[in-house]
Amino acid sequence: MKTKRPITLLVLAIALLLMGVAFIAKRAVPAQTTSQAQTLSDWAHGSAGTLKVMVNYPTELLTNQKNTITLTYEADPTLQQNLTYGYVFDAEFDANGSVITPQKRVLMPLESGRHSYSWEVVPFAKSEINGIIQLSLGDSNLSGAYAISPQVTFDIPFEIRQSNGLSPNASFIVGLVMLGLALLFLLIFILLNKKFLGANG
């Protein structure tokens, strides 16, 4: 029985070493992101101004994790001069096979400067899912009681990647702990192996 214990420790050390490297690799290989951009014309008050919008999103969604989709928008100089008339930016994000927070649709009073809004999506589908963002620019009377009438639409295909459920930082820490345990078990194996060889010498 004593001769088997050092071998068991060696196998355990190798297993922890491989698992630790896998957990650390998750942080070393961040998810790729991409973006799309469009402009919305002023249909509310008929000025020549436009609203510039850009959506930034990961090309892959990690399961069991919150993945962030960010919408950035800014009125051009002409539209900014007319903001006193009152505008509401209507944005809605939806994706099949997923849970979206804090809410799918948001109505935001348009203000001067650059602003952003983010959704978090957690996929439960096993394969790819399709996301869609619909945007519209209305006057101050725009209400969420009616379905959005989109001026522009972003079609966003997502690939699904399986995740261990940990954030990159947490995964990195777990990986370091596993590597530490692997080195500890390897050291114990070496000491026990020397003791075993000495006893049989």
C-alpha atoms as a PDB file:
ATOM      1  CA  MET A   1       0.000   0.000   0.000  1.00  0.00           C
ATOM      2  CA  LYS A   2       2.826   2.402   0.803  1.00  0.00           C
ATOM      3  CA  THR A   3       4.294   2.063  -2.695  1.00  0.00           C
ATOM      4  CA  LYS A   4       1.054   3.309  -4.262  1.00  0.00           C
ATOM      5  CA  ARG A   5       0.768   6.541  -2.299  1.00  0.00           C
ATOM      6  CA  PRO A   6       3.622   8.429  -4.021  1.00  0.00           C
ATOM      7  CA  ILE A   7       2.233   7.486  -7.448  1.00  0.00           C
ATOM      8  CA  THR A   8      -1.228   8.726  -6.437  1.00  0.00           C
ATOM      9  CA  LEU A   9       0.263  12.058  -5.386  1.00  0.00           C
ATOM     10  CA  LEU A  10       2.091  12.361  -8.703  1.00  0.00           C
ATOM     11  CA  VAL A  11      -1.092  11.714 -10.693  1.00  0.00           C
ATOM     12  CA  LEU A  12      -2.980  14.237  -8.562  1.00  0.00           C
ATOM     13  CA  ALA A  13      -0.213  16.827  -9.024  1.00  0.00           C
ATOM     14  CA  ILE A  14      -0.287  16.404 -12.813  1.00  0.00           C
ATOM     15  CA  ALA A  15      -4.094  16.690 -12.883  1.00  0.00           C
ATOM     16  CA  LEU A  16      -4.033  19.883 -10.799  1.00  0.00           C
ATOM     17  CA  LEU A  17      -1.268  21.293 -12.979  1.00  0.00           C
ATOM     18  CA  LEU A  18      -3.277  20.772 -16.171  1.00  0.00           C
ATOM     19  CA  MET A  19      -6.458  22.163 -14.626  1.00  0.00           C
ATOM     20  CA  GLY A  20      -4.599  25.185 -13.265  1.00  0.00           C
ATOM     21  CA  VAL A  21      -3.154  25.990 -16.685  1.00  0.00           C
ATOM     22  CA  ALA A  22      -6.639  25.693 -18.228  1.00  0.00           C
ATOM     23  CA  PHE A  23      -8.149  28.105 -15.690  1.00  0.00           C
ATOM     24  CA  ILE A  24      -5.340  30.642 -16.144  1.00  0.00           C
ATOM     25  CA  ALA A  25      -5.605  30.407 -19.943  1.00  0.00           C
ATOM     26  CA  LYS A  26      -9.153  31.751 -19.730  1.00  0.00           C
ATOM     27  CA  ARG A  27      -7.823  35.128 -18.588  1.00  0.00           C
ATOM     28  CA  ALA A  28      -4.975  35.067 -21.099  1.00  0.00           C
ATOM     29  CA  VAL A  29      -7.397  34.662 -24.026  1.00  0.00           C
ATOM     30  CA  PRO A  30     -10.023  37.421 -23.682  1.00  0.00           C
ATOM     31  CA  ALA A  31     -13.226  37.357 -25.692  1.00  0.00           C
ATOM     32  CA  GLN A  32     -12.996  39.188 -29.007  1.00  0.00           C
ATOM     33  CA  THR A  33     -15.240  42.186 -29.544  1.00  0.00           C
ATOM     34  CA  THR A  34     -16.466  43.997 -32.623  1.00  0.00           C
ATOM     35  CA  SER A  35     -18.672  46.989 -33.377  1.00  0.00           C
ATOM     36  CA  GLN A  36     -21.220  48.389 -35.811  1.00  0.00           C
ATOM     37  CA  ALA A  37     -22.225  52.007 -36.415  1.00  0.00           C
ATOM     38  CA  GLN A  38     -25.184  53.813 -37.992  1.00  0.00           C
ATOM     39  CA  THR A  39     -26.909  57.207 -37.882  1.00  0.00           C
ATOM     40  CA  LEU A  40     -30.499  58.189 -37.101  1.00  0.00           C
ATOM     41  CA  SER A  41     -32.151  61.127 -38.829  1.00  0.00           C
ATOM     42  CA  ASP A  42     -34.300  63.623 -36.961  1.00  0.00           C
ATOM     43  CA  TRP A  43     -37.804  62.395 -37.730  1.00  0.00           C
ATOM     44  CA  ALA A  44     -39.208  64.003 -34.582  1.00  0.00           C
ATOM     45  CA  HIS A  45     -38.727  67.701 -35.387  1.00  0.00           C
ATOM     46  CA  GLY A  46     -37.434  67.589 -38.947  1.00  0.00           C
ATOM     47  CA  SER A  47     -34.048  69.211 -38.444  1.00  0.00           C
ATOM     48  CA  ALA A  48     -31.062  68.258 -40.586  1.00  0.00           C
ATOM     49  CA  GLY A  49     -29.323  66.821 -37.535  1.00  0.00           C
ATOM     50  CA  THR A  50     -28.429  63.189 -36.949  1.00  0.00           C
ATOM     51  CA  LEU A  51     -27.732  60.932 -34.003  1.00  0.00           C
ATOM     52  CA  LYS A  52     -24.573  58.839 -34.342  1.00  0.00           C
ATOM     53  CA  VAL A  53     -24.827  55.423 -32.695  1.00  0.00           C
ATOM     54  CA  MET A  54     -22.361  52.574 -32.283  1.00  0.00           C
ATOM     55  CA  VAL A  55     -22.839  49.179 -30.678  1.00  0.00           C
ATOM     56  CA  ASN A  56     -19.900  47.236 -29.241  1.00  0.00           C
ATOM     57  CA  TYR A  57     -20.340  43.550 -28.438  1.00  0.00           C
ATOM     58  CA  PRO A  58     -18.419  40.265 -28.015  1.00  0.00           C
ATOM     59  CA  THR A  59     -18.440  37.882 -30.953  1.00  0.00           C
ATOM     60  CA  GLU A  60     -18.828  34.990 -28.493  1.00  0.00           C
ATOM     61  CA  LEU A  61     -21.119  34.786 -25.482  1.00  0.00           C
ATOM     62  CA  LEU A  62     -19.888  32.815 -22.476  1.00  0.00           C
ATOM     63  CA  THR A  63     -22.433  30.558 -20.818  1.00  0.00           C
ATOM     64  CA  ASN A  64     -23.212  31.113 -17.118  1.00  0.00           C
ATOM     65  CA  GLN A  65     -21.787  34.633 -17.348  1.00  0.00           C
ATOM     66  CA  LYS A  66     -23.008  38.162 -17.950  1.00  0.00           C
ATOM     67  CA  ASN A  67     -21.805  39.377 -21.344  1.00  0.00           C
ATOM     68  CA  THR A  68     -21.921  43.127 -21.967  1.00  0.00           C
ATOM     69  CA  ILE A  69     -23.354  44.827 -25.056  1.00  0.00           C
ATOM     70  CA  THR A  70     -22.733  48.585 -25.060  1.00  0.00           C
ATOM     71  CA  LEU A  71     -24.587  51.186 -27.094  1.00  0.00           C
ATOM     72  CA  THR A  72     -22.847  54.564 -27.493  1.00  0.00           C
ATOM     73  CA  TYR A  73     -24.649  57.556 -28.983  1.00  0.00           C
ATOM     74  CA  GLU A  74     -23.988  61.244 -29.637  1.00  0.00           C
ATOM     75  CA  ALA A  75     -25.930  64.015 -31.361  1.00  0.00           C
ATOM     76  CA  ASP A  76     -24.124  65.868 -34.123  1.00  0.00           C
ATOM     77  CA  PRO A  77     -23.717  69.685 -33.811  1.00  0.00           C
ATOM     78  CA  THR A  78     -26.889  70.407 -35.789  1.00  0.00           C
ATOM     79  CA  LEU A  79     -29.033  68.123 -33.649  1.00  0.00           C
ATOM     80  CA  GLN A  80     -27.474  69.478 -30.454  1.00  0.00           C
ATOM     81  CA  GLN A  81     -28.675  72.961 -31.384  1.00  0.00           C
ATOM     82  CA  ASN A  82     -32.246  71.629 -31.463  1.00  0.00           C
ATOM     83  CA  LEU A  83     -32.231  69.567 -28.253  1.00  0.00           C
ATOM     84  CA  THR A  84     -34.370  72.173 -26.506  1.00  0.00           C
ATOM     85  CA  TYR A  85     -37.331  70.932 -28.566  1.00  0.00           C
ATOM     86  CA  GLY A  86     -37.163  67.663 -26.650  1.00  0.00           C
ATOM     87  CA  TYR A  87     -36.035  64.271 -27.963  1.00  0.00           C
ATOM     88  CA  VAL A  88     -36.268  60.723 -26.644  1.00  0.00           C
ATOM     89  CA  PHE A  89     -33.879  57.991 -27.768  1.00  0.00           C
ATOM     90  CA  ASP A  90     -35.715  54.651 -27.940  1.00  0.00           C
ATOM     91  CA  ALA A  91     -33.537  51.515 -27.860  1.00  0.00           C
ATOM     92  CA  GLU A  92     -34.505  47.857 -27.602  1.00  0.00           C
ATOM     93  CA  PHE A  93     -32.255  44.783 -27.503  1.00  0.00           C
ATOM     94  CA  ASP A  94     -33.473  41.221 -27.821  1.00  0.00           C
ATOM     95  CA  ALA A  95     -31.793  37.854 -28.327  1.00  0.00           C
ATOM     96  CA  ASN A  96     -33.346  34.418 -28.468  1.00  0.00           C
ATOM     97  CA  GLY A  97     -32.168  31.786 -25.994  1.00  0.00           C
ATOM     98  CA  SER A  98     -30.912  34.283 -23.417  1.00  0.00           C
ATOM     99  CA  VAL A  99     -31.740  36.388 -20.372  1.00  0.00           C
ATOM    100  CA  ILE A 100     -31.239  40.156 -20.785  1.00  0.00           C
ATOM    101  CA  THR A 101     -30.862  42.689 -17.969  1.00  0.00           C
ATOM    102  CA  PRO A 102     -31.632  45.276 -16.716  1.00  0.00           C
ATOM    103  CA  GLN A 103     -34.435  45.561 -19.297  1.00  0.00           C
ATOM    104  CA  LYS A 104     -34.760  44.960 -23.011  1.00  0.00           C
ATOM    105  CA  ARG A 105     -36.186  48.354 -23.902  1.00  0.00           C
ATOM    106  CA  VAL A 106     -35.107  51.741 -22.596  1.00  0.00           C
ATOM    107  CA  LEU A 107     -36.287  55.285 -23.409  1.00  0.00           C
ATOM    108  CA  MET A 108     -33.658  57.945 -22.709  1.00  0.00           C
ATOM    109  CA  PRO A 109     -34.074  61.731 -22.955  1.00  0.00           C
ATOM    110  CA  LEU A 110     -31.482  62.918 -25.450  1.00  0.00           C
ATOM    111  CA  GLU A 111     -28.856  65.244 -24.006  1.00  0.00           C
ATOM    112  CA  SER A 112     -25.764  66.978 -25.314  1.00  0.00           C
ATOM    113  CA  GLY A 113     -22.512  65.020 -25.409  1.00  0.00           C
ATOM    114  CA  ARG A 114     -21.611  61.359 -25.748  1.00  0.00           C
ATOM    115  CA  HIS A 115     -23.524  58.810 -23.705  1.00  0.00           C
ATOM    116  CA  SER A 116     -23.734  55.045 -23.441  1.00  0.00           C
ATOM    117  CA  TYR A 117     -26.074  52.351 -22.225  1.00  0.00           C
ATOM    118  CA  SER A 118     -25.216  48.708 -21.577  1.00  0.00           C
ATOM    119  CA  TRP A 119     -27.163  45.480 -21.545  1.00  0.00           C
ATOM    120  CA  GLU A 120     -25.989  42.259 -19.937  1.00  0.00           C
ATOM    121  CA  VAL A 121     -26.953  39.006 -21.604  1.00  0.00           C
ATOM    122  CA  VAL A 122     -26.627  35.481 -20.197  1.00  0.00           C
ATOM    123  CA  PRO A 123     -27.185  32.786 -22.847  1.00  0.00           C
ATOM    124  CA  PHE A 124     -28.854  29.481 -22.045  1.00  0.00           C
ATOM    125  CA  ALA A 125     -28.905  28.218 -25.630  1.00  0.00           C
ATOM    126  CA  LYS A 126     -26.243  25.654 -26.528  1.00  0.00           C
ATOM    127  CA  SER A 127     -25.423  26.876 -30.033  1.00  0.00           C
ATOM    128  CA  GLU A 128     -25.404  30.270 -31.740  1.00  0.00           C
ATOM    129  CA  ILE A 129     -28.109  32.848 -31.051  1.00  0.00           C
ATOM    130  CA  ASN A 130     -29.225  35.921 -32.961  1.00  0.00           C
ATOM    131  CA  GLY A 131     -29.458  39.330 -31.335  1.00  0.00           C
ATOM    132  CA  ILE A 132     -31.183  42.421 -32.653  1.00  0.00           C
ATOM    133  CA  ILE A 133     -31.026  46.053 -31.550  1.00  0.00           C
ATOM    134  CA  GLN A 134     -33.761  48.408 -32.757  1.00  0.00           C
ATOM    135  CA  LEU A 135     -33.350  52.165 -32.439  1.00  0.00           C
ATOM    136  CA  SER A 136     -35.605  55.146 -32.939  1.00  0.00           C
ATOM    137  CA  LEU A 137     -35.481  58.884 -32.248  1.00  0.00           C
ATOM    138  CA  GLY A 138     -38.747  60.496 -31.176  1.00  0.00           C
ATOM    139  CA  ASP A 139     -40.072  63.616 -29.512  1.00  0.00           C
ATOM    140  CA  SER A 140     -40.698  64.069 -25.792  1.00  0.00           C
ATOM    141  CA  ASN A 141     -44.161  62.503 -26.115  1.00  0.00           C
ATOM    142  CA  LEU A 142     -42.734  59.110 -27.092  1.00  0.00           C
ATOM    143  CA  SER A 143     -44.169  56.381 -24.863  1.00  0.00           C
ATOM    144  CA  GLY A 144     -43.072  52.851 -24.136  1.00  0.00           C
ATOM    145  CA  ALA A 145     -46.700  51.758 -24.149  1.00  0.00           C
ATOM    146  CA  TYR A 146     -46.418  51.130 -27.874  1.00  0.00           C
ATOM    147  CA  ALA A 147     -44.054  48.849 -29.768  1.00  0.00           C
ATOM    148  CA  ILE A 148     -40.904  50.473 -31.064  1.00  0.00           C
ATOM    149  CA  SER A 149     -40.947  51.742 -34.660  1.00  0.00           C
ATOM    150  CA  PRO A 150     -37.276  51.298 -35.557  1.00  0.00           C
ATOM    151  CA  GLN A 151     -35.417  53.699 -37.802  1.00  0.00           C
ATOM    152  CA  VAL A 152     -32.288  51.546 -37.812  1.00  0.00           C
ATOM    153  CA  THR A 153     -31.578  47.963 -36.802  1.00  0.00           C
ATOM    154  CA  PHE A 154     -28.417  46.114 -35.806  1.00  0.00           C
ATOM    155  CA  ASP A 155     -28.402  42.373 -36.500  1.00  0.00           C
ATOM    156  CA  ILE A 156     -25.922  40.663 -34.184  1.00  0.00           C
ATOM    157  CA  PRO A 157     -25.083  36.949 -34.499  1.00  0.00           C
ATOM    158  CA  PHE A 158     -23.448  35.407 -31.428  1.00  0.00           C
ATOM    159  CA  GLU A 159     -21.467  32.206 -31.076  1.00  0.00           C
ATOM    160  CA  ILE A 160     -21.820  30.394 -27.751  1.00  0.00           C
ATOM    161  CA  ARG A 161     -18.747  29.295 -25.797  1.00  0.00           C
ATOM    162  CA  GLN A 162     -18.961  27.080 -22.740  1.00  0.00           C
ATOM    163  CA  SER A 163     -17.679  28.670 -19.546  1.00  0.00           C
ATOM    164  CA  ASN A 164     -16.715  27.389 -16.097  1.00  0.00           C
ATOM    165  CA  GLY A 165     -18.988  30.043 -14.592  1.00  0.00           C
ATOM    166  CA  LEU A 166     -16.148  32.150 -13.167  1.00  0.00           C
ATOM    167  CA  SER A 167     -15.053  35.621 -14.175  1.00  0.00           C
ATOM    168  CA  PRO A 168     -11.585  35.917 -15.797  1.00  0.00           C
ATOM    169  CA  ASN A 169     -10.053  37.240 -12.551  1.00  0.00           C
ATOM    170  CA  ALA A 170     -11.674  34.548 -10.402  1.00  0.00           C
ATOM    171  CA  SER A 171     -10.620  31.885 -12.897  1.00  0.00           C
ATOM    172  CA  PHE A 172      -7.038  33.188 -12.753  1.00  0.00           C
ATOM    173  CA  ILE A 173      -6.985  32.989  -8.942  1.00  0.00           C
ATOM    174  CA  VAL A 174      -8.400  29.455  -8.950  1.00  0.00           C
ATOM    175  CA  GLY A 175      -5.755  28.497 -11.509  1.00  0.00           C
ATOM    176  CA  LEU A 176      -2.960  29.857  -9.303  1.00  0.00           C
ATOM    177  CA  VAL A 177      -4.293  27.927  -6.298  1.00  0.00           C
ATOM    178  CA  MET A 178      -4.358  24.727  -8.350  1.00  0.00           C
ATOM    179  CA  LEU A 179      -0.790  25.301  -9.529  1.00  0.00           C
ATOM    180  CA  GLY A 180       0.300  25.869  -5.931  1.00  0.00           C
ATOM    181  CA  LEU A 181      -1.336  22.628  -4.814  1.00  0.00           C
ATOM    182  CA  ALA A 182       0.222  20.800  -7.758  1.00  0.00           C
ATOM    183  CA  LEU A 183       3.702  21.974  -6.727  1.00  0.00           C
ATOM    184  CA  LEU A 184       3.005  21.032  -3.107  1.00  0.00           C
ATOM    185  CA  PHE A 185       1.895  17.514  -4.025  1.00  0.00           C
ATOM    186  CA  LEU A 186       4.882  17.167  -6.350  1.00  0.00           C
ATOM    187  CA  LEU A 187       7.234  18.131  -3.519  1.00  0.00           C
ATOM    188  CA  ILE A 188       5.568  15.637  -1.171  1.00  0.00           C
ATOM    189  CA  PHE A 189       5.863  12.966  -3.867  1.00  0.00           C
ATOM    190  CA  ILE A 190       9.596  13.622  -4.239  1.00  0.00           C
ATOM    191  CA  LEU A 191      10.159  13.456  -0.475  1.00  0.00           C
ATOM    192  CA  LEU A 192       8.121  10.267  -0.065  1.00  0.00           C
ATOM    193  CA  ASN A 193       9.802   8.715  -3.075  1.00  0.00           C
ATOM    194  CA  LYS A 194      13.245   9.422  -1.615  1.00  0.00           C
ATOM    195  CA  LYS A 195      12.134   7.950   1.698  1.00  0.00           C
ATOM    196  CA  PHE A 196      10.770   4.863  -0.052  1.00  0.00           C
ATOM    197  CA  LEU A 197      13.964   4.378  -2.065  1.00  0.00           C
ATOM    198  CA  GLY A 198      16.059   4.861   1.058  1.00  0.00           C
ATOM    199  CA  ALA A 199      14.021   2.280   2.946  1.00  0.00           C
ATOM    200  CA  ASN A 200      14.509  -0.229   0.138  1.00  0.00           C
ATOM    201  CA  GLY A 201      18.159   0.614  -0.389  1.00  0.00           C
END
